[in-house]
PDB file of all heavy atoms in Angstrom:
ATOM      1  N   VAL A   1      17.097  29.451  -7.964  1.00  0.00           N
ATOM      2  CA  VAL A   1      16.842  30.869  -8.269  1.00  0.00           C
ATOM      3  C   VAL A   1      18.049  31.390  -9.032  1.00  0.00           C
ATOM      4  O   VAL A   1      18.442  30.823 -10.026  1.00  0.00           O
ATOM      5  CB  VAL A   1      16.549  31.652  -6.985  1.00  0.00           C
ATOM      6  CG1 VAL A   1      15.134  31.309  -6.535  1.00  0.00           C
ATOM      7  CG2 VAL A   1      17.483  31.312  -5.854  1.00  0.00           C
ATOM      8  N   ALA A   2      18.640  32.477  -8.606  1.00  0.00           N
ATOM      9  CA  ALA A   2      19.827  32.985  -9.271  1.00  0.00           C
ATOM     10  C   ALA A   2      20.916  31.927  -9.277  1.00  0.00           C
ATOM     11  O   ALA A   2      20.979  31.088  -8.395  1.00  0.00           O
ATOM     12  CB  ALA A   2      20.314  34.258  -8.578  1.00  0.00           C
ATOM     13  N   ALA A   3      21.765  31.946 -10.281  1.00  0.00           N
ATOM     14  CA  ALA A   3      22.795  30.930 -10.429  1.00  0.00           C
ATOM     15  C   ALA A   3      23.598  30.793  -9.146  1.00  0.00           C
ATOM     16  O   ALA A   3      24.106  31.752  -8.599  1.00  0.00           O
ATOM     17  CB  ALA A   3      23.726  31.313 -11.579  1.00  0.00           C
ATOM     18  N   GLY A   4      23.707  29.541  -8.703  1.00  0.00           N
ATOM     19  CA  GLY A   4      24.484  29.240  -7.509  1.00  0.00           C
ATOM     20  C   GLY A   4      23.790  29.503  -6.207  1.00  0.00           C
ATOM     21  O   GLY A   4      24.401  29.357  -5.158  1.00  0.00           O
ATOM     22  N   ALA A   5      22.521  29.870  -6.230  1.00  0.00           N
ATOM     23  CA  ALA A   5      21.841  30.197  -4.958  1.00  0.00           C
ATOM     24  C   ALA A   5      21.740  28.994  -4.071  1.00  0.00           C
ATOM     25  O   ALA A   5      21.937  29.086  -2.861  1.00  0.00           O
ATOM     26  CB  ALA A   5      20.450  30.765  -5.250  1.00  0.00           C
ATOM     27  N   ALA A   6      21.405  27.829  -4.659  1.00  0.00           N
ATOM     28  CA  ALA A   6      21.266  26.623  -3.821  1.00  0.00           C
ATOM     29  C   ALA A   6      22.611  26.224  -3.255  1.00  0.00           C
ATOM     30  O   ALA A   6      22.714  25.787  -2.119  1.00  0.00           O
ATOM     31  CB  ALA A   6      20.664  25.497  -4.634  1.00  0.00           C
ATOM     32  N   VAL A   7      23.651  26.364  -4.081  1.00  0.00           N
ATOM     33  CA  VAL A   7      24.996  26.034  -3.591  1.00  0.00           C
ATOM     34  C   VAL A   7      25.359  26.954  -2.435  1.00  0.00           C
ATOM     35  O   VAL A   7      26.008  26.550  -1.470  1.00  0.00           O
ATOM     36  CB  VAL A   7      26.017  26.169  -4.723  1.00  0.00           C
ATOM     37  CG1 VAL A   7      27.421  25.853  -4.231  1.00  0.00           C
ATOM     38  CG2 VAL A   7      25.639  25.243  -5.878  1.00  0.00           C
ATOM     39  N   ALA A   8      24.880  28.171  -2.497  1.00  0.00           N
ATOM     40  CA  ALA A   8      25.237  29.154  -1.465  1.00  0.00           C
ATOM     41  C   ALA A   8      24.703  28.750  -0.100  1.00  0.00           C
ATOM     42  O   ALA A   8      25.176  29.248   0.909  1.00  0.00           O
ATOM     43  CB  ALA A   8      24.689  30.527  -1.849  1.00  0.00           C
ATOM     44  N   CYS A   9      23.704  27.822  -0.067  1.00  0.00           N
ATOM     45  CA  CYS A   9      23.212  27.364   1.224  1.00  0.00           C
ATOM     46  C   CYS A   9      24.331  26.713   2.005  1.00  0.00           C
ATOM     47  O   CYS A   9      24.323  26.679   3.218  1.00  0.00           O
ATOM     48  CB  CYS A   9      22.051  26.366   1.020  1.00  0.00           C
ATOM     49  SG  CYS A   9      20.593  27.122   0.306  1.00  0.00           S
ATOM     50  N   ASP A  10      25.288  26.067   1.269  1.00  0.00           N
ATOM     51  CA  ASP A  10      26.391  25.411   1.929  1.00  0.00           C
ATOM     52  C   ASP A  10      27.637  26.306   1.975  1.00  0.00           C
ATOM     53  O   ASP A  10      28.313  26.395   2.976  1.00  0.00           O
ATOM     54  CB  ASP A  10      26.744  24.111   1.218  1.00  0.00           C
ATOM     55  CG  ASP A  10      25.647  23.084   1.390  1.00  0.00           C
ATOM     56  OD1 ASP A  10      25.014  23.070   2.440  1.00  0.00           O
ATOM     57  OD2 ASP A  10      25.446  22.276   0.456  1.00  0.00           O
ATOM     58  N   ASP A  11      27.909  26.963   0.815  1.00  0.00           N
ATOM     59  CA  ASP A  11      29.186  27.660   0.680  1.00  0.00           C
ATOM     60  C   ASP A  11      29.110  29.131   0.999  1.00  0.00           C
ATOM     61  O   ASP A  11      30.125  29.772   1.270  1.00  0.00           O
ATOM     62  CB  ASP A  11      29.699  27.484  -0.744  1.00  0.00           C
ATOM     63  CG  ASP A  11      29.901  25.997  -1.081  1.00  0.00           C
ATOM     64  OD1 ASP A  11      30.148  25.241  -0.136  1.00  0.00           O
ATOM     65  OD2 ASP A  11      29.825  25.648  -2.269  1.00  0.00           O
ATOM     66  N   GLY A  12      27.919  29.713   0.963  1.00  0.00           N
ATOM     67  CA  GLY A  12      27.809  31.127   1.234  1.00  0.00           C
ATOM     68  C   GLY A  12      27.189  31.367   2.599  1.00  0.00           C
ATOM     69  O   GLY A  12      26.016  31.147   2.774  1.00  0.00           O
ATOM     70  N   PRO A  13      27.968  31.784   3.570  1.00  0.00           N
ATOM     71  CA  PRO A  13      27.442  31.936   4.933  1.00  0.00           C
ATOM     72  C   PRO A  13      26.338  32.967   5.052  1.00  0.00           C
ATOM     73  O   PRO A  13      25.588  32.969   6.008  1.00  0.00           O
ATOM     74  CB  PRO A  13      28.679  32.319   5.750  1.00  0.00           C
ATOM     75  CG  PRO A  13      29.640  32.894   4.731  1.00  0.00           C
ATOM     76  CD  PRO A  13      29.383  32.157   3.462  1.00  0.00           C
ATOM     77  N   ASP A  14      26.236  33.865   4.054  1.00  0.00           N
ATOM     78  CA  ASP A  14      25.234  34.935   4.154  1.00  0.00           C
ATOM     79  C   ASP A  14      23.889  34.515   3.513  1.00  0.00           C
ATOM     80  O   ASP A  14      22.941  35.286   3.555  1.00  0.00           O
ATOM     81  CB  ASP A  14      25.752  36.206   3.484  1.00  0.00           C
ATOM     82  CG  ASP A  14      26.965  36.777   4.198  1.00  0.00           C
ATOM     83  OD1 ASP A  14      27.056  36.562   5.434  1.00  0.00           O
ATOM     84  OD2 ASP A  14      27.811  37.404   3.554  1.00  0.00           O
ATOM     85  N   THR A  15      23.840  33.354   2.880  1.00  0.00           N
ATOM     86  CA  THR A  15      22.613  32.894   2.237  1.00  0.00           C
ATOM     87  C   THR A  15      22.072  31.700   2.982  1.00  0.00           C
ATOM     88  O   THR A  15      22.768  30.705   3.151  1.00  0.00           O
ATOM     89  CB  THR A  15      22.880  32.519   0.775  1.00  0.00           C
ATOM     90  OG1 THR A  15      23.450  33.649   0.087  1.00  0.00           O
ATOM     91  CG2 THR A  15      21.596  32.123   0.069  1.00  0.00           C
ATOM     92  N   THR A  16      20.834  31.756   3.387  1.00  0.00           N
ATOM     93  CA  THR A  16      20.197  30.660   4.119  1.00  0.00           C
ATOM     94  C   THR A  16      19.192  29.949   3.229  1.00  0.00           C
ATOM     95  O   THR A  16      18.781  30.447   2.191  1.00  0.00           O
ATOM     96  CB  THR A  16      19.485  31.202   5.367  1.00  0.00           C
ATOM     97  OG1 THR A  16      18.374  32.018   4.932  1.00  0.00           O
ATOM     98  CG2 THR A  16      20.422  32.018   6.240  1.00  0.00           C
ATOM     99  N   ILE A  17      18.785  28.760   3.672  1.00  0.00           N
ATOM    100  CA  ILE A  17      17.747  28.037   2.934  1.00  0.00           C
ATOM    101  C   ILE A  17      16.468  28.842   2.914  1.00  0.00           C
ATOM    102  O   ILE A  17      15.760  28.864   1.907  1.00  0.00           O
ATOM    103  CB  ILE A  17      17.528  26.646   3.568  1.00  0.00           C
ATOM    104  CG1 ILE A  17      18.706  25.724   3.225  1.00  0.00           C
ATOM    105  CG2 ILE A  17      16.216  26.032   3.083  1.00  0.00           C
ATOM    106  CD1 ILE A  17      18.567  24.314   3.714  1.00  0.00           C
ATOM    107  N   ARG A  18      16.170  29.537   3.996  1.00  0.00           N
ATOM    108  CA  ARG A  18      14.988  30.393   4.011  1.00  0.00           C
ATOM    109  C   ARG A  18      15.019  31.411   2.864  1.00  0.00           C
ATOM    110  O   ARG A  18      14.017  31.607   2.171  1.00  0.00           O
ATOM    111  CB  ARG A  18      14.892  31.099   5.358  1.00  0.00           C
ATOM    112  CG  ARG A  18      13.900  32.272   5.419  1.00  0.00           C
ATOM    113  CD  ARG A  18      12.494  31.809   5.580  1.00  0.00           C
ATOM    114  NE  ARG A  18      11.528  32.896   5.322  1.00  0.00           N
ATOM    115  CZ  ARG A  18      10.290  32.898   5.789  1.00  0.00           C
ATOM    116  NH1 ARG A  18       9.863  31.895   6.550  1.00  0.00           N
ATOM    117  NH2 ARG A  18       9.469  33.879   5.497  1.00  0.00           N
ATOM    118  N   GLU A  19      16.169  32.019   2.657  1.00  0.00           N
ATOM    119  CA  GLU A  19      16.288  33.015   1.587  1.00  0.00           C
ATOM    120  C   GLU A  19      16.142  32.372   0.201  1.00  0.00           C
ATOM    121  O   GLU A  19      15.577  32.983  -0.710  1.00  0.00           O
ATOM    122  CB  GLU A  19      17.620  33.751   1.706  1.00  0.00           C
ATOM    123  CG  GLU A  19      17.698  34.645   2.948  1.00  0.00           C
ATOM    124  CD  GLU A  19      19.102  35.191   3.166  1.00  0.00           C
ATOM    125  OE1 GLU A  19      20.074  34.452   2.938  1.00  0.00           O
ATOM    126  OE2 GLU A  19      19.205  36.345   3.593  1.00  0.00           O
ATOM    127  N   VAL A  20      16.643  31.173   0.064  1.00  0.00           N
ATOM    128  CA  VAL A  20      16.467  30.468  -1.205  1.00  0.00           C
ATOM    129  C   VAL A  20      14.999  30.159  -1.443  1.00  0.00           C
ATOM    130  O   VAL A  20      14.465  30.370  -2.549  1.00  0.00           O
ATOM    131  CB  VAL A  20      17.307  29.165  -1.231  1.00  0.00           C
ATOM    132  CG1 VAL A  20      16.990  28.352  -2.481  1.00  0.00           C
ATOM    133  CG2 VAL A  20      18.788  29.485  -1.161  1.00  0.00           C
ATOM    134  N   LEU A  21      14.312  29.693  -0.403  1.00  0.00           N
ATOM    135  CA  LEU A  21      12.903  29.332  -0.558  1.00  0.00           C
ATOM    136  C   LEU A  21      12.030  30.554  -0.816  1.00  0.00           C
ATOM    137  O   LEU A  21      10.943  30.427  -1.399  1.00  0.00           O
ATOM    138  CB  LEU A  21      12.425  28.584   0.693  1.00  0.00           C
ATOM    139  CG  LEU A  21      13.108  27.271   1.010  1.00  0.00           C
ATOM    140  CD1 LEU A  21      12.482  26.613   2.223  1.00  0.00           C
ATOM    141  CD2 LEU A  21      13.075  26.321  -0.183  1.00  0.00           C
ATOM    142  N   GLU A  22      12.458  31.718  -0.373  1.00  0.00           N
ATOM    143  CA  GLU A  22      11.673  32.922  -0.612  1.00  0.00           C
ATOM    144  C   GLU A  22      11.640  33.296  -2.089  1.00  0.00           C
ATOM    145  O   GLU A  22      10.808  34.108  -2.508  1.00  0.00           O
ATOM    146  CB  GLU A  22      12.246  34.083   0.199  1.00  0.00           C
ATOM    147  CG  GLU A  22      11.951  34.000   1.682  1.00  0.00           C
ATOM    148  CD  GLU A  22      12.579  35.143   2.475  1.00  0.00           C
ATOM    149  OE1 GLU A  22      13.444  35.835   1.894  1.00  0.00           O
ATOM    150  OE2 GLU A  22      12.199  35.337   3.645  1.00  0.00           O
ATOM    151  N   ASN A  23      12.526  32.714  -2.897  1.00  0.00           N
ATOM    152  CA  ASN A  23      12.581  33.007  -4.328  1.00  0.00           C
ATOM    153  C   ASN A  23      12.553  31.712  -5.119  1.00  0.00           C
ATOM    154  O   ASN A  23      13.343  31.504  -6.055  1.00  0.00           O
ATOM    155  CB  ASN A  23      13.846  33.806  -4.639  1.00  0.00           C
ATOM    156  CG  ASN A  23      13.880  35.145  -3.909  1.00  0.00           C
ATOM    157  OD1 ASN A  23      13.284  36.104  -4.360  1.00  0.00           O
ATOM    158  ND2 ASN A  23      14.571  35.178  -2.765  1.00  0.00           N
ATOM    159  N   ALA A  24      11.635  30.811  -4.746  1.00  0.00           N
ATOM    160  CA  ALA A  24      11.617  29.476  -5.293  1.00  0.00           C
ATOM    161  C   ALA A  24      10.283  29.185  -5.969  1.00  0.00           C
ATOM    162  O   ALA A  24       9.316  29.943  -5.861  1.00  0.00           O
ATOM    163  CB  ALA A  24      11.890  28.451  -4.192  1.00  0.00           C
ATOM    164  N   THR A  25      10.225  28.057  -6.658  1.00  0.00           N
ATOM    165  CA  THR A  25       9.007  27.575  -7.298  1.00  0.00           C
ATOM    166  C   THR A  25       8.478  26.380  -6.515  1.00  0.00           C
ATOM    167  O   THR A  25       9.193  25.394  -6.315  1.00  0.00           O
ATOM    168  CB  THR A  25       9.271  27.192  -8.754  1.00  0.00           C
ATOM    169  OG1 THR A  25       9.735  28.338  -9.466  1.00  0.00           O
ATOM    170  CG2 THR A  25       8.004  26.670  -9.403  1.00  0.00           C
ATOM    171  N   PHE A  26       7.214  26.449  -6.105  1.00  0.00           N
ATOM    172  CA  PHE A  26       6.597  25.396  -5.296  1.00  0.00           C
ATOM    173  C   PHE A  26       5.450  24.761  -6.060  1.00  0.00           C
ATOM    174  O   PHE A  26       4.809  25.372  -6.929  1.00  0.00           O
ATOM    175  CB  PHE A  26       6.063  25.977  -3.987  1.00  0.00           C
ATOM    176  CG  PHE A  26       7.128  26.393  -3.009  1.00  0.00           C
ATOM    177  CD1 PHE A  26       7.618  27.701  -3.006  1.00  0.00           C
ATOM    178  CD2 PHE A  26       7.649  25.489  -2.097  1.00  0.00           C
ATOM    179  CE1 PHE A  26       8.576  28.103  -2.118  1.00  0.00           C
ATOM    180  CE2 PHE A  26       8.633  25.879  -1.184  1.00  0.00           C
ATOM    181  CZ  PHE A  26       9.091  27.184  -1.204  1.00  0.00           C
ATOM    182  N   LEU A  27       5.156  23.525  -5.687  1.00  0.00           N
ATOM    183  CA  LEU A  27       3.988  22.822  -6.215  1.00  0.00           C
ATOM    184  C   LEU A  27       2.718  23.426  -5.600  1.00  0.00           C
ATOM    185  O   LEU A  27       2.730  23.891  -4.464  1.00  0.00           O
ATOM    186  CB  LEU A  27       4.049  21.340  -5.864  1.00  0.00           C
ATOM    187  CG  LEU A  27       5.272  20.547  -6.365  1.00  0.00           C
ATOM    188  CD1 LEU A  27       5.246  19.137  -5.783  1.00  0.00           C
ATOM    189  CD2 LEU A  27       5.304  20.521  -7.878  1.00  0.00           C
ATOM    190  N   THR A  28       1.628  23.383  -6.348  1.00  0.00           N
ATOM    191  CA  THR A  28       0.321  23.746  -5.822  1.00  0.00           C
ATOM    192  C   THR A  28      -0.578  22.516  -5.833  1.00  0.00           C
ATOM    193  O   THR A  28      -0.307  21.527  -6.531  1.00  0.00           O
ATOM    194  CB  THR A  28      -0.345  24.869  -6.660  1.00  0.00           C
ATOM    195  OG1 THR A  28      -0.459  24.427  -8.016  1.00  0.00           O
ATOM    196  CG2 THR A  28       0.496  26.130  -6.599  1.00  0.00           C
ATOM    197  N   LEU A  29      -1.635  22.537  -5.041  1.00  0.00           N
ATOM    198  CA  LEU A  29      -2.466  21.356  -4.861  1.00  0.00           C
ATOM    199  C   LEU A  29      -3.270  20.988  -6.095  1.00  0.00           C
ATOM    200  O   LEU A  29      -3.810  19.879  -6.179  1.00  0.00           O
ATOM    201  CB  LEU A  29      -3.403  21.564  -3.663  1.00  0.00           C
ATOM    202  CG  LEU A  29      -2.718  21.664  -2.308  1.00  0.00           C
ATOM    203  CD1 LEU A  29      -3.753  21.840  -1.216  1.00  0.00           C
ATOM    204  CD2 LEU A  29      -1.845  20.465  -2.016  1.00  0.00           C
ATOM    205  N   ASP A  30      -3.379  21.890  -7.050  1.00  0.00           N
ATOM    206  CA  ASP A  30      -4.103  21.557  -8.268  1.00  0.00           C
ATOM    207  C   ASP A  30      -3.182  21.071  -9.364  1.00  0.00           C
ATOM    208  O   ASP A  30      -3.575  20.956 -10.521  1.00  0.00           O
ATOM    209  CB  ASP A  30      -4.918  22.784  -8.757  1.00  0.00           C
ATOM    210  CG  ASP A  30      -4.041  23.967  -9.078  1.00  0.00           C
ATOM    211  OD1 ASP A  30      -2.800  23.873  -8.885  1.00  0.00           O
ATOM    212  OD2 ASP A  30      -4.581  24.995  -9.485  1.00  0.00           O
ATOM    213  N   GLY A  31      -1.945  20.753  -9.025  1.00  0.00           N
ATOM    214  CA  GLY A  31      -0.998  20.211 -10.001  1.00  0.00           C
ATOM    215  C   GLY A  31      -0.156  21.257 -10.705  1.00  0.00           C
ATOM    216  O   GLY A  31       0.641  20.905 -11.577  1.00  0.00           O
ATOM    217  N   GLY A  32      -0.303  22.529 -10.351  1.00  0.00           N
ATOM    218  CA  GLY A  32       0.495  23.578 -10.963  1.00  0.00           C
ATOM    219  C   GLY A  32       1.694  23.950 -10.138  1.00  0.00           C
ATOM    220  O   GLY A  32       2.153  23.189  -9.280  1.00  0.00           O
ATOM    221  N   GLU A  33       2.204  25.152 -10.382  1.00  0.00           N
ATOM    222  CA  GLU A  33       3.363  25.665  -9.667  1.00  0.00           C
ATOM    223  C   GLU A  33       3.149  27.147  -9.375  1.00  0.00           C
ATOM    224  O   GLU A  33       2.409  27.829 -10.092  1.00  0.00           O
ATOM    225  CB  GLU A  33       4.640  25.461 -10.495  1.00  0.00           C
ATOM    226  CG  GLU A  33       5.003  24.017 -10.747  1.00  0.00           C
ATOM    227  CD  GLU A  33       6.235  23.889 -11.616  1.00  0.00           C
ATOM    228  OE1 GLU A  33       6.706  24.950 -12.128  1.00  0.00           O
ATOM    229  OE2 GLU A  33       6.734  22.763 -11.802  1.00  0.00           O
ATOM    230  N   ILE A  34       3.819  27.648  -8.356  1.00  0.00           N
ATOM    231  CA  ILE A  34       3.828  29.062  -8.049  1.00  0.00           C
ATOM    232  C   ILE A  34       5.275  29.478  -7.760  1.00  0.00           C
ATOM    233  O   ILE A  34       5.963  28.819  -6.958  1.00  0.00           O
ATOM    234  CB  ILE A  34       2.895  29.425  -6.846  1.00  0.00           C
ATOM    235  CG1 ILE A  34       2.943  30.920  -6.562  1.00  0.00           C
ATOM    236  CG2 ILE A  34       3.251  28.587  -5.623  1.00  0.00           C
ATOM    237  CD1 ILE A  34       2.421  31.797  -7.656  1.00  0.00           C
TER     238      ILE A  34
END
């Protein structure tokens, strides 16, 4: 998501993986993305 968001999962105590996933791109079952 925003620059460094994934890194913040380790280095930023205020950012969790849940918060990263809330602003992420996921696969869909028809081969697309959301």
